[in-house]
């Protein structure tokens, strides 16, 4: 498993204090081309702290932004931030259908023209989604299993993306959308059951 340091952020973009980790939370970037990292660095005079530990690109490359033994202000809850490792998948999220021009538009107004098509399922007020790549699922499996071993996090994975009450007490691997209905990541195109099996079974082959 290769992890790049091409998108490292400075100590101004996270809290350089050690904290105990007991969960990994997966979300996505709502963007492509790793542009979300530039967004982090250009906000709040370069001191924006709502950052993630890792991003997995659409090509499956794993990018480390800062050491997961530290934490950021990714969520509004200090407890959730301190005890979580945040992993983002590069993904445009929900898409808007432009029927007049027979195309899809991303959340930030770009034309969506990816070769892997559009995933269709009605969920949380939206119908069309940018799919995740098979390379991302493979890399997420490798990274999450490694992080679970390193930080002694249980290899227990939530098998769906719907809200769960009292989920902040869960120790294992989960999704942003398990926390609140306002979140749409990970979106329905993710293979939740396959990923759960990959993490929880010792015989997984990457």
Protein backbone atom coordinates (compact mmCIF):
# COMPACT_ATOMS: atom_id res chain seq x y z
CA UNK A 1 0.00 0.00 0.00
CA UNK A 2 1.52 3.30 -1.14
CA UNK A 3 0.63 6.55 0.60
CA UNK A 4 1.71 9.86 -0.93
CA UNK A 5 2.69 13.04 0.88
CA UNK A 6 1.86 15.31 -2.06
CA UNK A 7 -0.93 17.14 -0.23
CA UNK A 8 0.42 17.62 3.29
CA UNK A 9 -1.15 20.50 5.24
CA UNK A 10 0.61 22.57 7.90
CA UNK A 11 0.01 22.59 11.65
CA UNK A 12 -2.20 25.62 11.10
CA UNK A 13 -4.74 23.27 9.49
CA UNK A 14 -5.18 20.79 12.34
CA UNK A 15 -4.75 20.42 16.12
CA UNK A 16 -1.24 19.00 16.80
CA UNK A 17 -2.28 17.28 20.01
CA UNK A 18 -2.28 13.53 20.57
CA UNK A 19 -5.69 11.89 20.95
CA UNK A 20 -6.99 8.35 21.36
CA UNK A 21 -8.72 6.99 18.25
CA UNK A 22 -11.61 4.53 18.38
CA UNK A 23 -13.35 5.04 15.03
CA UNK A 24 -12.76 5.80 11.36
CA UNK A 25 -15.31 7.95 9.52
CA UNK A 26 -15.55 7.89 5.73
CA UNK A 27 -16.90 10.84 3.76
CA UNK A 28 -16.20 12.34 0.36
CA UNK A 29 -14.85 15.56 -1.13
CA UNK A 30 -17.80 16.90 -3.20
CA UNK A 31 -15.15 17.83 -5.75
CA UNK A 32 -12.51 16.32 -8.03
CA UNK A 33 -8.89 16.88 -8.96
CA UNK A 34 -7.97 17.17 -5.26
CA UNK A 35 -9.27 20.74 -5.36
CA UNK A 36 -10.69 20.41 -1.86
CA UNK A 37 -7.17 20.62 -0.45
CA UNK A 38 -6.61 23.97 -2.14
CA UNK A 39 -9.89 25.07 -0.61
CA UNK A 40 -8.62 24.18 2.85
CA UNK A 41 -5.39 26.11 2.38
CA UNK A 42 -7.05 29.24 1.00
CA UNK A 43 -9.71 29.68 3.69
CA UNK A 44 -9.43 31.49 7.04
CA UNK A 45 -6.10 33.07 6.08
CA UNK A 46 -4.55 29.63 5.69
CA UNK A 47 -5.63 28.44 9.13
CA UNK A 48 -8.74 26.48 8.15
CA UNK A 49 -9.00 23.44 10.41
CA UNK A 50 -11.96 21.47 9.02
CA UNK A 51 -9.57 19.04 7.37
CA UNK A 52 -9.31 15.26 6.94
CA UNK A 53 -6.41 12.93 7.65
CA UNK A 54 -6.53 11.16 4.26
CA UNK A 55 -8.05 11.44 0.81
CA UNK A 56 -8.36 8.50 -1.59
CA UNK A 57 -8.32 9.80 -5.15
CA UNK A 58 -10.59 8.53 -7.91
CA UNK A 59 -7.56 6.63 -9.24
CA UNK A 60 -7.16 4.85 -5.89
CA UNK A 61 -4.08 6.78 -4.77
CA UNK A 62 -4.00 7.43 -1.03
CA UNK A 63 -2.97 10.94 0.04
CA UNK A 64 -2.03 11.65 3.65
CA UNK A 65 -2.71 15.22 4.81
CA UNK A 66 -1.52 15.00 8.41
CA UNK A 67 -0.66 12.37 11.01
CA UNK A 68 -3.79 10.53 12.22
CA UNK A 69 -2.54 10.59 15.81
CA UNK A 70 -3.61 14.26 15.76
CA UNK A 71 -7.07 15.69 14.99
CA UNK A 72 -8.88 18.59 13.31
CA UNK A 73 -12.17 20.47 13.69
CA UNK A 74 -13.87 18.44 10.96
CA UNK A 75 -17.10 18.16 12.98
CA UNK A 76 -18.73 20.47 15.52
CA UNK A 77 -18.14 17.95 18.33
CA UNK A 78 -14.72 18.02 20.02
CA UNK A 79 -15.20 14.47 21.28
CA UNK A 80 -16.04 13.19 17.80
CA UNK A 81 -13.07 15.00 16.30
CA UNK A 82 -10.55 13.84 18.88
CA UNK A 83 -11.56 10.17 18.72
CA UNK A 84 -11.95 9.84 14.92
CA UNK A 85 -9.74 9.35 11.88
CA UNK A 86 -11.32 11.04 8.85
CA UNK A 87 -10.89 9.48 5.40
CA UNK A 88 -12.38 11.19 2.34
CA UNK A 89 -13.04 9.64 -1.06
CA UNK A 90 -12.65 11.91 -4.06
CA UNK A 91 -16.20 12.16 -5.41
CA UNK A 92 -18.50 14.89 -6.77
CA UNK A 93 -21.49 13.66 -4.77
CA UNK A 94 -25.03 14.34 -5.97
CA UNK A 95 -25.56 15.60 -9.51
CA UNK A 96 -28.12 17.91 -11.11
CA UNK A 97 -29.68 16.72 -14.36
CA UNK A 98 -29.73 19.35 -17.12
CA UNK A 99 -32.49 17.96 -19.35
CA UNK A 100 -32.22 20.78 -21.88
CA UNK A 101 -28.62 19.94 -22.72
CA UNK A 102 -28.79 16.25 -21.76
CA UNK A 103 -25.99 16.43 -19.21
CA UNK A 104 -25.27 16.45 -15.49
CA UNK A 105 -23.90 19.30 -13.41
CA UNK A 106 -21.93 18.92 -10.16
CA UNK A 107 -22.63 20.68 -6.89
CA UNK A 108 -20.05 23.38 -7.72
CA UNK A 109 -21.40 23.93 -11.25
CA UNK A 110 -18.97 21.86 -13.31
CA UNK A 111 -20.16 19.66 -16.18
CA UNK A 112 -19.93 16.03 -15.08
CA UNK A 113 -18.39 14.03 -17.90
CA UNK A 114 -16.65 11.15 -16.15
CA UNK A 115 -16.42 7.91 -18.13
CA UNK A 116 -17.83 5.73 -15.33
CA UNK A 117 -21.30 7.20 -15.75
CA UNK A 118 -23.96 8.20 -13.24
CA UNK A 119 -25.51 6.10 -10.48
CA UNK A 120 -29.28 6.52 -10.08
CA UNK A 121 -31.14 6.02 -6.81
CA UNK A 122 -33.50 8.30 -4.90
CA UNK A 123 -32.01 9.04 -1.48
CA UNK A 124 -32.11 12.03 0.86
CA UNK A 125 -33.75 14.28 -1.70
CA UNK A 126 -31.43 13.50 -4.64
CA UNK A 127 -31.52 10.95 -7.45
CA UNK A 128 -28.27 11.08 -9.44
CA UNK A 129 -24.83 10.42 -7.99
CA UNK A 130 -21.21 10.31 -9.05
CA UNK A 131 -20.06 6.71 -8.49
CA UNK A 132 -16.94 5.66 -6.59
CA UNK A 133 -14.29 3.67 -8.43
CA UNK A 134 -13.30 0.07 -7.79
CA UNK A 135 -9.78 1.36 -7.15
CA UNK A 136 -11.12 3.48 -4.32
CA UNK A 137 -12.82 0.52 -2.70
CA UNK A 138 -9.61 -1.53 -2.89
CA UNK A 139 -7.49 1.31 -1.48
CA UNK A 140 -10.02 2.09 1.25
CA UNK A 141 -9.93 -1.56 2.29
CA UNK A 142 -6.15 -1.57 2.54
CA UNK A 143 -5.93 1.78 4.34
CA UNK A 144 -8.72 1.14 6.84
CA UNK A 145 -7.44 -2.31 7.76
CA UNK A 146 -3.98 -0.83 8.31
CA UNK A 147 -5.31 2.03 10.45
CA UNK A 148 -7.42 -0.35 12.52
CA UNK A 149 -4.31 -2.43 13.26
CA UNK A 150 -2.14 0.61 14.03
CA UNK A 151 -4.63 2.33 16.34
CA UNK A 152 -6.32 -0.77 17.75
CA UNK A 153 -9.70 0.19 16.26
CA UNK A 154 -12.21 -2.67 16.00
CA UNK A 155 -12.70 -3.99 12.46
CA UNK A 156 -16.46 -3.56 12.80
CA UNK A 157 -18.10 -1.75 9.87
CA UNK A 158 -21.56 -0.21 9.60
CA UNK A 159 -23.12 -1.95 6.57
CA UNK A 160 -25.25 0.95 5.30
CA UNK A 161 -25.34 4.74 4.99
CA UNK A 162 -28.47 5.62 6.97
CA UNK A 163 -28.65 7.53 10.26
CA UNK A 164 -28.12 5.61 13.50
CA UNK A 165 -29.10 7.00 16.90
CA UNK A 166 -26.29 7.21 19.47
CA UNK A 167 -23.75 6.39 16.75
CA UNK A 168 -21.13 8.63 18.40
CA UNK A 169 -20.59 5.82 20.93
CA UNK A 170 -19.77 3.34 18.16
CA UNK A 171 -16.19 2.06 17.89
CA UNK A 172 -15.20 0.87 14.42
CA UNK A 173 -15.71 2.06 10.84
CA UNK A 174 -18.65 4.23 9.82
CA UNK A 175 -19.86 6.92 7.40
CA UNK A 176 -20.70 10.61 7.80
CA UNK A 177 -24.26 9.82 6.72
CA UNK A 178 -24.64 7.56 9.78
CA UNK A 179 -24.35 10.67 11.95
CA UNK A 180 -27.11 12.84 10.53
CA UNK A 181 -29.66 12.90 7.70
CA UNK A 182 -28.15 16.16 6.43
CA UNK A 183 -25.08 14.30 5.18
CA UNK A 184 -25.11 12.56 1.78
CA UNK A 185 -21.73 10.86 1.99
CA UNK A 186 -21.07 8.20 1.33
CA UNK A 187 -23.64 8.11 -1.42
CA UNK A 188 -25.67 5.01 -2.47
CA UNK A 189 -23.23 4.00 -5.22
CA UNK A 190 -20.73 2.70 -2.61
CA UNK A 191 -20.73 -1.08 -2.18
CA UNK A 192 -21.38 -1.07 1.57
CA UNK A 193 -21.71 -4.81 2.05
CA UNK A 194 -18.61 -5.67 0.03
CA UNK A 195 -16.57 -3.10 1.95
CA UNK A 196 -17.87 -4.45 5.26
CA UNK A 197 -16.89 -7.97 4.24
CA UNK A 198 -13.46 -6.80 3.06
CA UNK A 199 -12.67 -5.20 6.41
CA UNK A 200 -14.18 -7.77 8.73
CA UNK A 201 -12.93 -10.97 7.08
CA UNK A 202 -9.32 -11.91 7.79
CA UNK A 203 -9.02 -13.66 4.43
CA UNK A 204 -9.47 -10.47 2.40
CA UNK A 205 -7.09 -10.18 -0.52
CA UNK A 206 -6.18 -6.74 -1.84
